[in-house]
């Protein structure tokens, strides 16, 4: 311990943490740019818009490659959520209306959408 009551191991640990902290910044910046690129790409695509009914989506985009089994519906706080997979995008429905549509690209937890069932 030094005259300030700080041990050498505490100082070494602090230096190590400060030295490695800078290495995480490029990864965060890269992840942010990937997300920005994905959002911009989604905006330029013709994806189903929020509020469209299942019938409207199927009429405009055709039948999905796969309709996953509904999830939720066990309470008012957990409405039924449906997911339809198309070749280039995924559509999420609350009950029977679109709440979100996303590109079907490898990013985040969307690397293998076929594995979620």
C-alpha atoms as a PDB file:
ATOM      1  CA  UNK A   1       0.000   0.000   0.000  1.00  0.00           C
ATOM      2  CA  UNK A   2       1.165   3.495  -0.758  1.00  0.00           C
ATOM      3  CA  UNK A   3       0.664   6.589   1.405  1.00  0.00           C
ATOM      4  CA  UNK A   4      -2.850   7.004  -0.056  1.00  0.00           C
ATOM      5  CA  UNK A   5      -3.932   3.505   1.009  1.00  0.00           C
ATOM      6  CA  UNK A   6      -3.996   2.118  -2.552  1.00  0.00           C
ATOM      7  CA  UNK A   7      -2.385  -1.247  -3.209  1.00  0.00           C
ATOM      8  CA  UNK A   8      -0.161  -1.977  -6.219  1.00  0.00           C
ATOM      9  CA  UNK A   9      -2.629  -4.589  -7.441  1.00  0.00           C
ATOM     10  CA  UNK A  10      -5.416  -1.980  -7.478  1.00  0.00           C
ATOM     11  CA  UNK A  11      -3.239   0.388  -9.462  1.00  0.00           C
ATOM     12  CA  UNK A  12      -2.271  -2.379 -11.923  1.00  0.00           C
ATOM     13  CA  UNK A  13      -5.908  -3.388 -12.355  1.00  0.00           C
ATOM     14  CA  UNK A  14      -6.942   0.221 -12.964  1.00  0.00           C
ATOM     15  CA  UNK A  15      -4.208   0.679 -15.570  1.00  0.00           C
ATOM     16  CA  UNK A  16      -5.180  -2.576 -17.293  1.00  0.00           C
ATOM     17  CA  UNK A  17      -8.853  -1.567 -17.421  1.00  0.00           C
ATOM     18  CA  UNK A  18      -8.008   1.861 -18.802  1.00  0.00           C
ATOM     19  CA  UNK A  19      -5.690   0.354 -21.409  1.00  0.00           C
ATOM     20  CA  UNK A  20      -8.269  -2.130 -22.652  1.00  0.00           C
ATOM     21  CA  UNK A  21     -11.174   0.321 -22.560  1.00  0.00           C
ATOM     22  CA  UNK A  22      -9.985   1.935 -25.773  1.00  0.00           C
ATOM     23  CA  UNK A  23     -10.129  -1.369 -27.642  1.00  0.00           C
ATOM     24  CA  UNK A  24     -13.920  -1.606 -27.282  1.00  0.00           C
ATOM     25  CA  UNK A  25     -14.615   1.745 -28.930  1.00  0.00           C
ATOM     26  CA  UNK A  26     -13.924   0.668 -32.545  1.00  0.00           C
ATOM     27  CA  UNK A  27     -16.243  -2.340 -32.140  1.00  0.00           C
ATOM     28  CA  UNK A  28     -19.055  -0.099 -30.889  1.00  0.00           C
ATOM     29  CA  UNK A  29     -18.497   2.371 -33.737  1.00  0.00           C
ATOM     30  CA  UNK A  30     -18.547  -0.500 -36.249  1.00  0.00           C
ATOM     31  CA  UNK A  31     -21.782  -1.893 -34.792  1.00  0.00           C
ATOM     32  CA  UNK A  32     -23.400   1.548 -34.937  1.00  0.00           C
ATOM     33  CA  UNK A  33     -22.435   2.003 -38.588  1.00  0.00           C
ATOM     34  CA  UNK A  34     -23.840  -1.458 -39.428  1.00  0.00           C
ATOM     35  CA  UNK A  35     -27.121  -0.537 -37.753  1.00  0.00           C
ATOM     36  CA  UNK A  36     -27.274   2.819 -39.543  1.00  0.00           C
ATOM     37  CA  UNK A  37     -26.611   1.109 -42.884  1.00  0.00           C
ATOM     38  CA  UNK A  38     -29.308  -1.467 -42.201  1.00  0.00           C
ATOM     39  CA  UNK A  39     -31.895   1.173 -41.245  1.00  0.00           C
ATOM     40  CA  UNK A  40     -31.087   3.192 -44.381  1.00  0.00           C
ATOM     41  CA  UNK A  41     -31.391   0.061 -46.516  1.00  0.00           C
ATOM     42  CA  UNK A  42     -34.763  -0.790 -44.935  1.00  0.00           C
ATOM     43  CA  UNK A  43     -36.047   2.739 -45.602  1.00  0.00           C
ATOM     44  CA  UNK A  44     -35.246   2.406 -49.297  1.00  0.00           C
ATOM     45  CA  UNK A  45     -37.014  -0.964 -49.625  1.00  0.00           C
ATOM     46  CA  UNK A  46     -40.678  -1.631 -50.169  1.00  0.00           C
ATOM     47  CA  UNK A  47     -41.477  -3.369 -46.878  1.00  0.00           C
ATOM     48  CA  UNK A  48     -44.923  -3.901 -45.351  1.00  0.00           C
ATOM     49  CA  UNK A  49     -45.880  -0.838 -43.354  1.00  0.00           C
ATOM     50  CA  UNK A  50     -47.152  -0.672 -39.809  1.00  0.00           C
ATOM     51  CA  UNK A  51     -50.898  -1.227 -39.582  1.00  0.00           C
ATOM     52  CA  UNK A  52     -51.308  -3.293 -42.752  1.00  0.00           C
ATOM     53  CA  UNK A  53     -53.517  -6.335 -42.277  1.00  0.00           C
ATOM     54  CA  UNK A  54     -52.347  -9.875 -42.971  1.00  0.00           C
ATOM     55  CA  UNK A  55     -54.629  -9.962 -46.011  1.00  0.00           C
ATOM     56  CA  UNK A  56     -53.120  -6.720 -47.364  1.00  0.00           C
ATOM     57  CA  UNK A  57     -49.576  -8.027 -46.876  1.00  0.00           C
ATOM     58  CA  UNK A  58     -50.362 -11.298 -48.611  1.00  0.00           C
ATOM     59  CA  UNK A  59     -52.127  -9.513 -51.466  1.00  0.00           C
ATOM     60  CA  UNK A  60     -49.232  -7.096 -52.051  1.00  0.00           C
ATOM     61  CA  UNK A  61     -46.225  -9.356 -51.357  1.00  0.00           C
ATOM     62  CA  UNK A  62     -47.635 -12.815 -52.030  1.00  0.00           C
ATOM     63  CA  UNK A  63     -47.635 -15.808 -49.739  1.00  0.00           C
ATOM     64  CA  UNK A  64     -44.745 -15.934 -47.281  1.00  0.00           C
ATOM     65  CA  UNK A  65     -42.188 -18.719 -47.477  1.00  0.00           C
ATOM     66  CA  UNK A  66     -43.113 -19.633 -43.940  1.00  0.00           C
ATOM     67  CA  UNK A  67     -45.640 -18.664 -41.288  1.00  0.00           C
ATOM     68  CA  UNK A  68     -44.373 -19.357 -37.794  1.00  0.00           C
ATOM     69  CA  UNK A  69     -46.703 -20.560 -35.060  1.00  0.00           C
ATOM     70  CA  UNK A  70     -48.265 -17.655 -33.137  1.00  0.00           C
ATOM     71  CA  UNK A  71     -46.669 -16.687 -29.828  1.00  0.00           C
ATOM     72  CA  UNK A  72     -48.174 -15.005 -26.787  1.00  0.00           C
ATOM     73  CA  UNK A  73     -51.866 -14.380 -26.336  1.00  0.00           C
ATOM     74  CA  UNK A  74     -51.887 -15.570 -22.735  1.00  0.00           C
ATOM     75  CA  UNK A  75     -52.995 -12.163 -21.420  1.00  0.00           C
ATOM     76  CA  UNK A  76     -53.910  -8.652 -22.522  1.00  0.00           C
ATOM     77  CA  UNK A  77     -50.310  -7.605 -21.821  1.00  0.00           C
ATOM     78  CA  UNK A  78     -49.044 -10.371 -24.121  1.00  0.00           C
ATOM     79  CA  UNK A  79     -51.006 -10.163 -27.384  1.00  0.00           C
ATOM     80  CA  UNK A  80     -50.708 -12.792 -30.073  1.00  0.00           C
ATOM     81  CA  UNK A  81     -47.596 -12.170 -32.215  1.00  0.00           C
ATOM     82  CA  UNK A  82     -47.258 -13.782 -35.644  1.00  0.00           C
ATOM     83  CA  UNK A  83     -44.152 -13.859 -37.814  1.00  0.00           C
ATOM     84  CA  UNK A  84     -44.054 -14.388 -41.546  1.00  0.00           C
ATOM     85  CA  UNK A  85     -40.782 -15.054 -43.334  1.00  0.00           C
ATOM     86  CA  UNK A  86     -40.244 -13.830 -46.886  1.00  0.00           C
ATOM     87  CA  UNK A  87     -37.030 -14.296 -48.853  1.00  0.00           C
ATOM     88  CA  UNK A  88     -35.771 -10.741 -48.195  1.00  0.00           C
ATOM     89  CA  UNK A  89     -37.662  -9.646 -45.090  1.00  0.00           C
ATOM     90  CA  UNK A  90     -39.555 -10.739 -41.991  1.00  0.00           C
ATOM     91  CA  UNK A  91     -42.924  -9.326 -40.954  1.00  0.00           C
ATOM     92  CA  UNK A  92     -44.161  -9.249 -37.360  1.00  0.00           C
ATOM     93  CA  UNK A  93     -47.882  -8.952 -36.651  1.00  0.00           C
ATOM     94  CA  UNK A  94     -49.698  -8.137 -33.432  1.00  0.00           C
ATOM     95  CA  UNK A  95     -52.908 -10.088 -33.752  1.00  0.00           C
ATOM     96  CA  UNK A  96     -53.506  -9.534 -37.473  1.00  0.00           C
ATOM     97  CA  UNK A  97     -51.761  -6.209 -38.179  1.00  0.00           C
ATOM     98  CA  UNK A  98     -48.147  -5.373 -39.003  1.00  0.00           C
ATOM     99  CA  UNK A  99     -46.149  -3.943 -36.132  1.00  0.00           C
ATOM    100  CA  UNK A 100     -42.697  -4.249 -37.753  1.00  0.00           C
ATOM    101  CA  UNK A 101     -40.923  -5.462 -40.887  1.00  0.00           C
ATOM    102  CA  UNK A 102     -37.163  -6.015 -41.043  1.00  0.00           C
ATOM    103  CA  UNK A 103     -34.641  -7.115 -43.622  1.00  0.00           C
ATOM    104  CA  UNK A 104     -33.729 -10.769 -43.556  1.00  0.00           C
ATOM    105  CA  UNK A 105     -29.967 -10.185 -43.378  1.00  0.00           C
ATOM    106  CA  UNK A 106     -27.241 -11.490 -41.098  1.00  0.00           C
ATOM    107  CA  UNK A 107     -27.152  -8.950 -38.286  1.00  0.00           C
ATOM    108  CA  UNK A 108     -27.606  -9.261 -34.555  1.00  0.00           C
ATOM    109  CA  UNK A 109     -29.774 -12.224 -33.643  1.00  0.00           C
ATOM    110  CA  UNK A 110     -31.182 -12.398 -37.160  1.00  0.00           C
ATOM    111  CA  UNK A 111     -28.319 -14.551 -38.502  1.00  0.00           C
ATOM    112  CA  UNK A 112     -30.466 -17.632 -38.993  1.00  0.00           C
ATOM    113  CA  UNK A 113     -34.158 -16.725 -38.961  1.00  0.00           C
ATOM    114  CA  UNK A 114     -35.106 -20.248 -40.041  1.00  0.00           C
ATOM    115  CA  UNK A 115     -33.866 -21.605 -36.703  1.00  0.00           C
ATOM    116  CA  UNK A 116     -36.517 -19.721 -34.679  1.00  0.00           C
ATOM    117  CA  UNK A 117     -39.763 -21.613 -34.585  1.00  0.00           C
END
